[in-house]
C-alpha atoms as a PDB file:
ATOM      1  CA  UNK A   1      -0.252   0.085   0.166  1.00  0.00           C
ATOM      2  CA  UNK A   2       1.263   3.661  -0.820  1.00  0.00           C
ATOM      3  CA  UNK A   3       3.054   4.891   2.089  1.00  0.00           C
ATOM      4  CA  UNK A   4       2.759   9.000   2.962  1.00  0.00           C
ATOM      5  CA  UNK A   5       4.635  10.864   5.692  1.00  0.00           C
ATOM      6  CA  UNK A   6       3.121  12.439   9.083  1.00  0.00           C
ATOM      7  CA  UNK A   7       5.996  14.257  10.554  1.00  0.00           C
ATOM      8  CA  UNK A   8       8.676  11.207  10.954  1.00  0.00           C
ATOM      9  CA  UNK A   9       5.601   8.621  11.069  1.00  0.00           C
ATOM     10  CA  UNK A  10       5.553   6.872   7.906  1.00  0.00           C
ATOM     11  CA  UNK A  11       1.991   5.668   7.463  1.00  0.00           C
ATOM     12  CA  UNK A  12      -0.119   3.994   4.939  1.00  0.00           C
ATOM     13  CA  UNK A  13      -2.996   6.122   2.726  1.00  0.00           C
ATOM     14  CA  UNK A  14      -5.581   4.210   4.630  1.00  0.00           C
ATOM     15  CA  UNK A  15      -5.813   4.015   8.187  1.00  0.00           C
ATOM     16  CA  UNK A  16      -7.835   2.233  10.710  1.00  0.00           C
ATOM     17  CA  UNK A  17     -10.287   4.253  13.166  1.00  0.00           C
ATOM     18  CA  UNK A  18     -10.495   2.313  16.129  1.00  0.00           C
ATOM     19  CA  UNK A  19     -13.949   4.009  17.503  1.00  0.00           C
ATOM     20  CA  UNK A  20     -16.062   1.238  17.428  1.00  0.00           C
ATOM     21  CA  UNK A  21     -13.722  -0.636  19.603  1.00  0.00           C
ATOM     22  CA  UNK A  22     -15.577  -1.300  23.139  1.00  0.00           C
ATOM     23  CA  UNK A  23     -19.028  -0.346  22.122  1.00  0.00           C
ATOM     24  CA  UNK A  24     -19.885  -1.873  18.766  1.00  0.00           C
ATOM     25  CA  UNK A  25     -17.371  -4.652  18.557  1.00  0.00           C
ATOM     26  CA  UNK A  26     -16.101  -6.306  21.764  1.00  0.00           C
ATOM     27  CA  UNK A  27     -12.301  -7.708  22.615  1.00  0.00           C
ATOM     28  CA  UNK A  28     -12.265 -10.776  20.231  1.00  0.00           C
ATOM     29  CA  UNK A  29     -13.479  -9.207  17.437  1.00  0.00           C
ATOM     30  CA  UNK A  30     -11.126  -6.036  17.599  1.00  0.00           C
ATOM     31  CA  UNK A  31      -8.344  -8.485  17.482  1.00  0.00           C
ATOM     32  CA  UNK A  32     -10.057  -9.985  14.219  1.00  0.00           C
ATOM     33  CA  UNK A  33     -10.220  -6.235  12.865  1.00  0.00           C
ATOM     34  CA  UNK A  34      -6.859  -5.682  13.997  1.00  0.00           C
ATOM     35  CA  UNK A  35      -5.132  -9.124  12.365  1.00  0.00           C
ATOM     36  CA  UNK A  36      -7.058  -8.258   8.880  1.00  0.00           C
ATOM     37  CA  UNK A  37      -5.546  -4.727   9.119  1.00  0.00           C
ATOM     38  CA  UNK A  38      -2.138  -5.414   9.767  1.00  0.00           C
ATOM     39  CA  UNK A  39      -2.409  -8.220   6.647  1.00  0.00           C
ATOM     40  CA  UNK A  40      -3.825  -6.004   4.410  1.00  0.00           C
ATOM     41  CA  UNK A  41      -0.832  -3.548   5.155  1.00  0.00           C
ATOM     42  CA  UNK A  42      -2.989  -0.739   7.041  1.00  0.00           C
ATOM     43  CA  UNK A  43      -0.714  -0.588  10.264  1.00  0.00           C
ATOM     44  CA  UNK A  44      -1.942   2.962  11.327  1.00  0.00           C
ATOM     45  CA  UNK A  45      -4.401   2.870  13.824  1.00  0.00           C
ATOM     46  CA  UNK A  46      -6.375   5.851  15.179  1.00  0.00           C
ATOM     47  CA  UNK A  47      -8.061   5.641  18.832  1.00  0.00           C
ATOM     48  CA  UNK A  48      -8.950   8.286  21.326  1.00  0.00           C
ATOM     49  CA  UNK A  49      -9.269   7.616  25.280  1.00  0.00           C
ATOM     50  CA  UNK A  50     -12.836   8.667  25.118  1.00  0.00           C
ATOM     51  CA  UNK A  51     -13.961   5.746  22.702  1.00  0.00           C
ATOM     52  CA  UNK A  52     -15.810   3.045  24.465  1.00  0.00           C
ATOM     53  CA  UNK A  53     -14.900   5.022  27.440  1.00  0.00           C
ATOM     54  CA  UNK A  54     -11.547   3.598  27.523  1.00  0.00           C
ATOM     55  CA  UNK A  55     -12.180   0.308  26.068  1.00  0.00           C
ATOM     56  CA  UNK A  56     -11.193   0.970  22.629  1.00  0.00           C
ATOM     57  CA  UNK A  57      -7.302   2.117  23.899  1.00  0.00           C
ATOM     58  CA  UNK A  58      -7.313  -1.213  25.976  1.00  0.00           C
ATOM     59  CA  UNK A  59      -8.780  -3.647  22.995  1.00  0.00           C
ATOM     60  CA  UNK A  60      -6.113  -2.072  20.615  1.00  0.00           C
ATOM     61  CA  UNK A  61      -3.457  -2.541  23.447  1.00  0.00           C
ATOM     62  CA  UNK A  62      -4.153  -6.223  23.401  1.00  0.00           C
ATOM     63  CA  UNK A  63      -4.238  -6.999  19.691  1.00  0.00           C
ATOM     64  CA  UNK A  64      -1.161  -5.384  18.960  1.00  0.00           C
ATOM     65  CA  UNK A  65       0.630  -6.735  22.327  1.00  0.00           C
ATOM     66  CA  UNK A  66       2.853  -9.467  19.860  1.00  0.00           C
ATOM     67  CA  UNK A  67       3.035  -6.911  16.985  1.00  0.00           C
ATOM     68  CA  UNK A  68       3.435  -3.454  18.525  1.00  0.00           C
ATOM     69  CA  UNK A  69       6.571  -2.786  16.590  1.00  0.00           C
ATOM     70  CA  UNK A  70       4.404  -2.959  13.246  1.00  0.00           C
ATOM     71  CA  UNK A  71       2.063  -0.609  14.191  1.00  0.00           C
ATOM     72  CA  UNK A  72       1.608   3.447  14.289  1.00  0.00           C
ATOM     73  CA  UNK A  73      -0.706   4.185  17.051  1.00  0.00           C
ATOM     74  CA  UNK A  74      -2.408   7.589  17.280  1.00  0.00           C
ATOM     75  CA  UNK A  75      -4.513   8.407  20.047  1.00  0.00           C
ATOM     76  CA  UNK A  76      -6.248  11.640  21.713  1.00  0.00           C
ATOM     77  CA  UNK A  77      -6.869  13.171  24.760  1.00  0.00           C
ATOM     78  CA  UNK A  78      -9.024  16.402  25.540  1.00  0.00           C
ATOM     79  CA  UNK A  79     -12.705  15.336  25.619  1.00  0.00           C
ATOM     80  CA  UNK A  80     -14.651  15.013  28.814  1.00  0.00           C
ATOM     81  CA  UNK A  81     -14.047  11.564  30.567  1.00  0.00           C
ATOM     82  CA  UNK A  82     -15.636  12.386  33.598  1.00  0.00           C
ATOM     83  CA  UNK A  83     -15.364  15.543  35.749  1.00  0.00           C
ATOM     84  CA  UNK A  84     -12.153  15.582  36.560  1.00  0.00           C
ATOM     85  CA  UNK A  85     -10.427  14.334  33.382  1.00  0.00           C
ATOM     86  CA  UNK A  86     -10.807  16.694  30.169  1.00  0.00           C
ATOM     87  CA  UNK A  87      -9.440  19.725  28.802  1.00  0.00           C
ATOM     88  CA  UNK A  88      -5.594  20.697  27.833  1.00  0.00           C
ATOM     89  CA  UNK A  89      -4.265  21.735  31.038  1.00  0.00           C
ATOM     90  CA  UNK A  90      -0.555  20.665  31.359  1.00  0.00           C
ATOM     91  CA  UNK A  91      -1.204  18.683  34.592  1.00  0.00           C
ATOM     92  CA  UNK A  92      -3.986  17.253  32.761  1.00  0.00           C
ATOM     93  CA  UNK A  93      -1.943  15.961  29.670  1.00  0.00           C
ATOM     94  CA  UNK A  94       0.287  14.303  31.681  1.00  0.00           C
ATOM     95  CA  UNK A  95      -1.992  12.435  33.622  1.00  0.00           C
ATOM     96  CA  UNK A  96      -3.997  11.726  30.246  1.00  0.00           C
ATOM     97  CA  UNK A  97      -0.864   9.990  28.478  1.00  0.00           C
ATOM     98  CA  UNK A  98       0.113   7.921  31.306  1.00  0.00           C
ATOM     99  CA  UNK A  99      -3.733   6.761  31.396  1.00  0.00           C
ATOM    100  CA  UNK A 100      -3.817   6.131  27.444  1.00  0.00           C
ATOM    101  CA  UNK A 101      -0.133   4.375  27.826  1.00  0.00           C
ATOM    102  CA  UNK A 102      -1.447   1.720  30.287  1.00  0.00           C
ATOM    103  CA  UNK A 103      -4.346   1.083  28.424  1.00  0.00           C
ATOM    104  CA  UNK A 104      -2.686   0.643  25.448  1.00  0.00           C
ATOM    105  CA  UNK A 105       0.060  -1.415  27.059  1.00  0.00           C
ATOM    106  CA  UNK A 106       2.595   0.517  25.597  1.00  0.00           C
ATOM    107  CA  UNK A 107       5.824   2.887  26.611  1.00  0.00           C
ATOM    108  CA  UNK A 108       5.225   4.947  23.439  1.00  0.00           C
ATOM    109  CA  UNK A 109       2.287   6.695  21.415  1.00  0.00           C
ATOM    110  CA  UNK A 110       3.486   7.709  18.277  1.00  0.00           C
ATOM    111  CA  UNK A 111       0.605  10.176  17.349  1.00  0.00           C
ATOM    112  CA  UNK A 112      -0.944  12.357  20.518  1.00  0.00           C
ATOM    113  CA  UNK A 113      -3.408  14.188  19.113  1.00  0.00           C
ATOM    114  CA  UNK A 114      -5.355  17.343  21.072  1.00  0.00           C
ATOM    115  CA  UNK A 115      -9.028  16.055  20.333  1.00  0.00           C
ATOM    116  CA  UNK A 116     -10.540  19.323  20.389  1.00  0.00           C
ATOM    117  CA  UNK A 117      -9.587  22.984  21.497  1.00  0.00           C
ATOM    118  CA  UNK A 118      -9.800  23.976  24.973  1.00  0.00           C
ATOM    119  CA  UNK A 119     -10.591  27.665  25.188  1.00  0.00           C
ATOM    120  CA  UNK A 120      -9.524  27.848  28.831  1.00  0.00           C
ATOM    121  CA  UNK A 121      -6.189  26.991  28.746  1.00  0.00           C
ATOM    122  CA  UNK A 122      -3.325  28.925  26.244  1.00  0.00           C
ATOM    123  CA  UNK A 123      -2.498  26.541  23.817  1.00  0.00           C
ATOM    124  CA  UNK A 124       1.174  27.727  24.325  1.00  0.00           C
ATOM    125  CA  UNK A 125       0.732  25.754  27.957  1.00  0.00           C
ATOM    126  CA  UNK A 126      -0.661  22.389  26.335  1.00  0.00           C
ATOM    127  CA  UNK A 127       2.115  22.622  23.828  1.00  0.00           C
ATOM    128  CA  UNK A 128       4.774  22.820  26.742  1.00  0.00           C
ATOM    129  CA  UNK A 129       3.619  19.924  28.376  1.00  0.00           C
ATOM    130  CA  UNK A 130       3.231  17.762  24.882  1.00  0.00           C
ATOM    131  CA  UNK A 131       6.949  18.962  24.396  1.00  0.00           C
ATOM    132  CA  UNK A 132       8.057  17.538  27.251  1.00  0.00           C
ATOM    133  CA  UNK A 133       6.539  14.281  26.690  1.00  0.00           C
ATOM    134  CA  UNK A 134       8.240  13.993  22.985  1.00  0.00           C
ATOM    135  CA  UNK A 135      11.622  14.843  24.990  1.00  0.00           C
ATOM    136  CA  UNK A 136      10.521  12.283  27.707  1.00  0.00           C
ATOM    137  CA  UNK A 137      10.053   9.435  24.821  1.00  0.00           C
ATOM    138  CA  UNK A 138       6.477   8.855  25.513  1.00  0.00           C
ATOM    139  CA  UNK A 139       5.255  10.756  22.481  1.00  0.00           C
ATOM    140  CA  UNK A 140       6.608  10.924  18.829  1.00  0.00           C
ATOM    141  CA  UNK A 141       4.798  13.092  17.554  1.00  0.00           C
ATOM    142  CA  UNK A 142       2.052  15.667  18.236  1.00  0.00           C
ATOM    143  CA  UNK A 143      -1.109  16.502  16.401  1.00  0.00           C
ATOM    144  CA  UNK A 144      -4.559  18.364  16.625  1.00  0.00           C
ATOM    145  CA  UNK A 145      -8.398  17.576  15.924  1.00  0.00           C
ATOM    146  CA  UNK A 146     -11.468  19.497  15.061  1.00  0.00           C
ATOM    147  CA  UNK A 147      -9.482  23.078  14.739  1.00  0.00           C
ATOM    148  CA  UNK A 148      -9.989  25.743  12.548  1.00  0.00           C
ATOM    149  CA  UNK A 149      -7.240  27.695  10.433  1.00  0.00           C
ATOM    150  CA  UNK A 150      -7.158  30.053  12.595  1.00  0.00           C
ATOM    151  CA  UNK A 151      -6.467  28.092  15.617  1.00  0.00           C
ATOM    152  CA  UNK A 152      -3.670  26.032  13.714  1.00  0.00           C
ATOM    153  CA  UNK A 153      -2.169  28.718  12.912  1.00  0.00           C
ATOM    154  CA  UNK A 154      -1.935  29.961  16.631  1.00  0.00           C
ATOM    155  CA  UNK A 155      -0.778  27.127  17.837  1.00  0.00           C
ATOM    156  CA  UNK A 156       2.065  26.924  15.128  1.00  0.00           C
ATOM    157  CA  UNK A 157       3.097  30.119  16.269  1.00  0.00           C
ATOM    158  CA  UNK A 158       3.243  29.167  20.051  1.00  0.00           C
ATOM    159  CA  UNK A 159       5.504  26.328  19.364  1.00  0.00           C
ATOM    160  CA  UNK A 160       8.508  28.669  19.384  1.00  0.00           C
ATOM    161  CA  UNK A 161      10.977  25.883  18.746  1.00  0.00           C
ATOM    162  CA  UNK A 162       9.497  22.975  20.821  1.00  0.00           C
ATOM    163  CA  UNK A 163       7.195  20.563  19.829  1.00  0.00           C
ATOM    164  CA  UNK A 164       4.383  21.120  16.867  1.00  0.00           C
ATOM    165  CA  UNK A 165       1.622  19.842  15.829  1.00  0.00           C
ATOM    166  CA  UNK A 166       2.134  17.871  12.342  1.00  0.00           C
ATOM    167  CA  UNK A 167      -0.887  17.161  11.808  1.00  0.00           C
ATOM    168  CA  UNK A 168      -4.992  18.023  11.597  1.00  0.00           C
ATOM    169  CA  UNK A 169      -7.435  15.476  11.988  1.00  0.00           C
ATOM    170  CA  UNK A 170     -11.103  16.920  10.707  1.00  0.00           C
ATOM    171  CA  UNK A 171     -14.021  15.713   9.313  1.00  0.00           C
ATOM    172  CA  UNK A 172     -13.876  15.464   5.650  1.00  0.00           C
ATOM    173  CA  UNK A 173     -15.625  13.549   2.915  1.00  0.00           C
ATOM    174  CA  UNK A 174     -17.385  14.068  -0.291  1.00  0.00           C
ATOM    175  CA  UNK A 175     -20.786  15.348   1.349  1.00  0.00           C
ATOM    176  CA  UNK A 176     -18.772  17.952   3.960  1.00  0.00           C
ATOM    177  CA  UNK A 177     -15.779  19.620   2.283  1.00  0.00           C
ATOM    178  CA  UNK A 178     -15.857  22.530   4.697  1.00  0.00           C
ATOM    179  CA  UNK A 179     -12.160  22.301   5.518  1.00  0.00           C
ATOM    180  CA  UNK A 180     -11.270  22.628   1.821  1.00  0.00           C
ATOM    181  CA  UNK A 181     -11.609  26.610   2.336  1.00  0.00           C
ATOM    182  CA  UNK A 182      -8.967  27.494   4.796  1.00  0.00           C
ATOM    183  CA  UNK A 183      -7.973  24.510   6.775  1.00  0.00           C
ATOM    184  CA  UNK A 184      -6.296  22.479   3.778  1.00  0.00           C
ATOM    185  CA  UNK A 185      -4.494  25.215   2.619  1.00  0.00           C
ATOM    186  CA  UNK A 186      -3.177  26.005   5.765  1.00  0.00           C
ATOM    187  CA  UNK A 187      -1.890  22.622   6.239  1.00  0.00           C
ATOM    188  CA  UNK A 188      -0.201  22.671   2.890  1.00  0.00           C
ATOM    189  CA  UNK A 189       1.567  25.949   3.463  1.00  0.00           C
ATOM    190  CA  UNK A 190       2.657  24.800   6.620  1.00  0.00           C
ATOM    191  CA  UNK A 191       3.591  21.194   5.838  1.00  0.00           C
ATOM    192  CA  UNK A 192       1.295  19.606   7.910  1.00  0.00           C
ATOM    193  CA  UNK A 193      -0.489  16.353   7.167  1.00  0.00           C
ATOM    194  CA  UNK A 194      -4.039  16.194   7.185  1.00  0.00           C
ATOM    195  CA  UNK A 195      -6.198  12.951   8.763  1.00  0.00           C
ATOM    196  CA  UNK A 196      -9.833  12.905   7.426  1.00  0.00           C
ATOM    197  CA  UNK A 197     -12.250  11.252   9.404  1.00  0.00           C
ATOM    198  CA  UNK A 198     -15.818  10.403   8.617  1.00  0.00           C
ATOM    199  CA  UNK A 199     -14.857   9.581   5.189  1.00  0.00           C
ATOM    200  CA  UNK A 200     -18.253   7.998   4.389  1.00  0.00           C
ATOM    201  CA  UNK A 201     -20.073  10.901   5.685  1.00  0.00           C
ATOM    202  CA  UNK A 202     -21.629   8.623   8.631  1.00  0.00           C
ATOM    203  CA  UNK A 203     -22.284   5.854   6.548  1.00  0.00           C
ATOM    204  CA  UNK A 204     -24.072   8.069   3.656  1.00  0.00           C
ATOM    205  CA  UNK A 205     -21.222   7.236   1.025  1.00  0.00           C
ATOM    206  CA  UNK A 206     -21.937   3.261   1.889  1.00  0.00           C
ATOM    207  CA  UNK A 207     -24.312   3.249  -1.278  1.00  0.00           C
ATOM    208  CA  UNK A 208     -26.849   1.228   0.987  1.00  0.00           C
ATOM    209  CA  UNK A 209     -29.431   4.672   1.292  1.00  0.00           C
ATOM    210  CA  UNK A 210     -30.835   5.142  -1.315  1.00  0.00           C
ATOM    211  CA  UNK A 211     -33.613   7.850  -2.366  1.00  0.00           C
ATOM    212  CA  UNK A 212     -37.213   7.685  -1.835  1.00  0.00           C
ATOM    213  CA  UNK A 213     -36.221   4.947   0.356  1.00  0.00           C
ATOM    214  CA  UNK A 214     -37.024   5.057   4.484  1.00  0.00           C
ATOM    215  CA  UNK A 215     -33.923   5.011   6.465  1.00  0.00           C
ATOM    216  CA  UNK A 216     -32.746   1.534   7.820  1.00  0.00           C
ATOM    217  CA  UNK A 217     -33.823   1.169  11.459  1.00  0.00           C
ATOM    218  CA  UNK A 218     -30.442   0.489  13.443  1.00  0.00           C
ATOM    219  CA  UNK A 219     -28.624   1.802  11.439  1.00  0.00           C
ATOM    220  CA  UNK A 220     -26.692   5.253  11.675  1.00  0.00           C
ATOM    221  CA  UNK A 221     -28.739   6.655   9.384  1.00  0.00           C
ATOM    222  CA  UNK A 222     -31.995   5.644  11.263  1.00  0.00           C
ATOM    223  CA  UNK A 223     -30.496   7.378  14.510  1.00  0.00           C
ATOM    224  CA  UNK A 224     -32.279  10.573  15.561  1.00  0.00           C
ATOM    225  CA  UNK A 225     -30.083  12.974  13.960  1.00  0.00           C
ATOM    226  CA  UNK A 226     -29.952  10.847  10.552  1.00  0.00           C
ATOM    227  CA  UNK A 227     -32.504  12.575   8.913  1.00  0.00           C
ATOM    228  CA  UNK A 228     -30.278  16.135   8.978  1.00  0.00           C
ATOM    229  CA  UNK A 229     -27.642  14.648   7.335  1.00  0.00           C
ATOM    230  CA  UNK A 230     -29.525  11.911   5.250  1.00  0.00           C
ATOM    231  CA  UNK A 231     -31.311  14.405   3.235  1.00  0.00           C
ATOM    232  CA  UNK A 232     -33.155  13.912  -0.237  1.00  0.00           C
ATOM    233  CA  UNK A 233     -30.655  16.293  -2.143  1.00  0.00           C
ATOM    234  CA  UNK A 234     -27.746  14.396  -0.438  1.00  0.00           C
ATOM    235  CA  UNK A 235     -29.290  10.955  -1.423  1.00  0.00           C
ATOM    236  CA  UNK A 236     -30.019  11.988  -5.069  1.00  0.00           C
ATOM    237  CA  UNK A 237     -26.023  13.171  -5.069  1.00  0.00           C
ATOM    238  CA  UNK A 238     -24.966   9.912  -3.887  1.00  0.00           C
ATOM    239  CA  UNK A 239     -27.156   8.378  -6.556  1.00  0.00           C
ATOM    240  CA  UNK A 240     -25.055  10.013  -9.155  1.00  0.00           C
ATOM    241  CA  UNK A 241     -21.908   9.161  -7.451  1.00  0.00           C
ATOM    242  CA  UNK A 242     -23.095   5.577  -7.404  1.00  0.00           C
ATOM    243  CA  UNK A 243     -23.673   5.802 -10.947  1.00  0.00           C
ATOM    244  CA  UNK A 244     -20.327   7.408 -11.845  1.00  0.00           C
ATOM    245  CA  UNK A 245     -18.454   4.604  -9.905  1.00  0.00           C
ATOM    246  CA  UNK A 246     -20.098   1.371 -11.315  1.00  0.00           C
ATOM    247  CA  UNK A 247     -19.989   2.852 -14.851  1.00  0.00           C
ATOM    248  CA  UNK A 248     -16.050   2.634 -14.192  1.00  0.00           C
ATOM    249  CA  UNK A 249     -16.251  -0.690 -12.593  1.00  0.00           C
ATOM    250  CA  UNK A 250     -15.941   0.553  -9.072  1.00  0.00           C
ATOM    251  CA  UNK A 251     -17.898   0.911  -5.472  1.00  0.00           C
ATOM    252  CA  UNK A 252     -19.308   4.063  -3.969  1.00  0.00           C
ATOM    253  CA  UNK A 253     -16.850   3.377  -0.985  1.00  0.00           C
ATOM    254  CA  UNK A 254     -13.875   3.252  -3.044  1.00  0.00           C
ATOM    255  CA  UNK A 255     -15.079   6.593  -4.933  1.00  0.00           C
ATOM    256  CA  UNK A 256     -15.030   8.054  -1.471  1.00  0.00           C
ATOM    257  CA  UNK A 257     -11.845   6.737  -0.263  1.00  0.00           C
ATOM    258  CA  UNK A 258      -9.774   7.311  -3.410  1.00  0.00           C
ATOM    259  CA  UNK A 259     -11.197  10.180  -3.743  1.00  0.00           C
ATOM    260  CA  UNK A 260      -9.732  11.814  -0.426  1.00  0.00           C
ATOM    261  CA  UNK A 261      -6.457   9.866  -0.851  1.00  0.00           C
ATOM    262  CA  UNK A 262      -5.947  12.091  -3.784  1.00  0.00           C
ATOM    263  CA  UNK A 263      -6.653  15.747  -2.008  1.00  0.00           C
ATOM    264  CA  UNK A 264      -3.943  18.025  -1.166  1.00  0.00           C
ATOM    265  CA  UNK A 265      -2.250  17.236   2.457  1.00  0.00           C
ATOM    266  CA  UNK A 266      -4.463  14.454   2.759  1.00  0.00           C
ATOM    267  CA  UNK A 267      -1.698  11.580   4.467  1.00  0.00           C
ATOM    268  CA  UNK A 268      -4.019   9.395   5.580  1.00  0.00           C
ATOM    269  CA  UNK A 269      -7.735   8.516   5.406  1.00  0.00           C
ATOM    270  CA  UNK A 270      -9.353   7.347   8.801  1.00  0.00           C
ATOM    271  CA  UNK A 271     -11.650   4.389   8.124  1.00  0.00           C
ATOM    272  CA  UNK A 272     -13.559   2.888  10.636  1.00  0.00           C
ATOM    273  CA  UNK A 273     -14.740  -0.753  10.570  1.00  0.00           C
ATOM    274  CA  UNK A 274     -16.462  -3.367  12.568  1.00  0.00           C
ATOM    275  CA  UNK A 275     -15.236  -6.466  10.667  1.00  0.00           C
ATOM    276  CA  UNK A 276     -12.187  -8.141   8.833  1.00  0.00           C
ATOM    277  CA  UNK A 277     -14.068  -7.804   5.357  1.00  0.00           C
ATOM    278  CA  UNK A 278     -14.878  -3.908   5.787  1.00  0.00           C
ATOM    279  CA  UNK A 279     -11.096  -3.360   6.594  1.00  0.00           C
ATOM    280  CA  UNK A 280     -10.110  -5.370   3.921  1.00  0.00           C
ATOM    281  CA  UNK A 281     -12.337  -3.359   1.255  1.00  0.00           C
ATOM    282  CA  UNK A 282     -11.318  -0.200   2.773  1.00  0.00           C
ATOM    283  CA  UNK A 283      -7.449  -0.958   2.233  1.00  0.00           C
ATOM    284  CA  UNK A 284      -8.239  -1.945  -1.481  1.00  0.00           C
ATOM    285  CA  UNK A 285     -10.376   1.263  -2.083  1.00  0.00           C
ATOM    286  CA  UNK A 286      -7.517   3.389  -2.404  1.00  0.00           C
ATOM    287  CA  UNK A 287      -5.876   1.538  -5.297  1.00  0.00           C
ATOM    288  CA  UNK A 288      -8.432   3.578  -7.690  1.00  0.00           C
ATOM    289  CA  UNK A 289      -6.472   6.480  -8.982  1.00  0.00           C
ATOM    290  CA  UNK A 290      -8.536   8.932 -10.771  1.00  0.00           C
ATOM    291  CA  UNK A 291      -7.613  11.005 -14.113  1.00  0.00           C
ATOM    292  CA  UNK A 292      -7.833  15.050 -13.594  1.00  0.00           C
ATOM    293  CA  UNK A 293     -11.111  14.643 -15.830  1.00  0.00           C
ATOM    294  CA  UNK A 294     -12.599  12.443 -13.310  1.00  0.00           C
ATOM    295  CA  UNK A 295     -11.875  14.125 -10.683  1.00  0.00           C
ATOM    296  CA  UNK A 296     -13.522  17.226 -12.279  1.00  0.00           C
ATOM    297  CA  UNK A 297     -16.384  15.378 -12.961  1.00  0.00           C
ATOM    298  CA  UNK A 298     -17.039  14.580  -9.373  1.00  0.00           C
ATOM    299  CA  UNK A 299     -16.449  18.218  -8.732  1.00  0.00           C
ATOM    300  CA  UNK A 300     -19.257  19.266 -10.780  1.00  0.00           C
ATOM    301  CA  UNK A 301     -21.489  16.231  -9.262  1.00  0.00           C
ATOM    302  CA  UNK A 302     -20.822  17.220  -5.924  1.00  0.00           C
ATOM    303  CA  UNK A 303     -20.767  20.910  -6.537  1.00  0.00           C
ATOM    304  CA  UNK A 304     -23.522  21.533  -9.455  1.00  0.00           C
ATOM    305  CA  UNK A 305     -23.320  24.735 -10.668  1.00  0.00           C
ATOM    306  CA  UNK A 306     -26.198  27.419  -9.523  1.00  0.00           C
END
């Protein structure tokens, strides 16, 4: 599989998002998914302390126990675990990393990411704590998630020669292209890797949701918030994308992931999976190298002229 760089970390163009571990799939299920990922060349694993209330890290650590040297592990901190464990205060950063190291069963985290901005803490203070972790060898690289372009630039200026964010992980897919306006150009100008999450738009880009049909119960589209995203215009757009992909012998999933993989600044597409079959499909999806004409046509489908 094609490899790219996140700072000093070499990663495959498709990574495995582990947000399903600990609530949608149990420990044996997670182990099967991790094994399939490694066998498919996907050795970049992205999780967070909050996923499954810590169980995602635990399950990932167990699954990688005998193959840790083959893996690049990314995790996140900052979301609310409980009333005491949250945010980006320097003293909490130290506690959070120790908790994650213990759950992961490892002595280092390859990419440690601030899960969201914390307006109550100067970013320079957080970066100072992260820099100390890098110097101590507990963290190799640091990144951020859900940051605006302005917050990314502020963090870059605040690094002052210490550890700097080498990556940004925000939502990005064919439906939600907000990052194209400022975040992606900022990443490109600063030499930062971009990691898109929700590449399938919460399932909308899997192809199982079609216009004029009710949203299936028990799926993400059938959740309470589903109708806000799974709108009729979006479903019609997806139908056009399905026709585009199938006319070229590909699936909508392959289109969604390969399109992201060809976007500027994207290092690795973070794709979740609940089964070995899904992992293998995600890994194979990036093999479609679209032509400039094909990319232009996709652009016309997702952003039709007024």
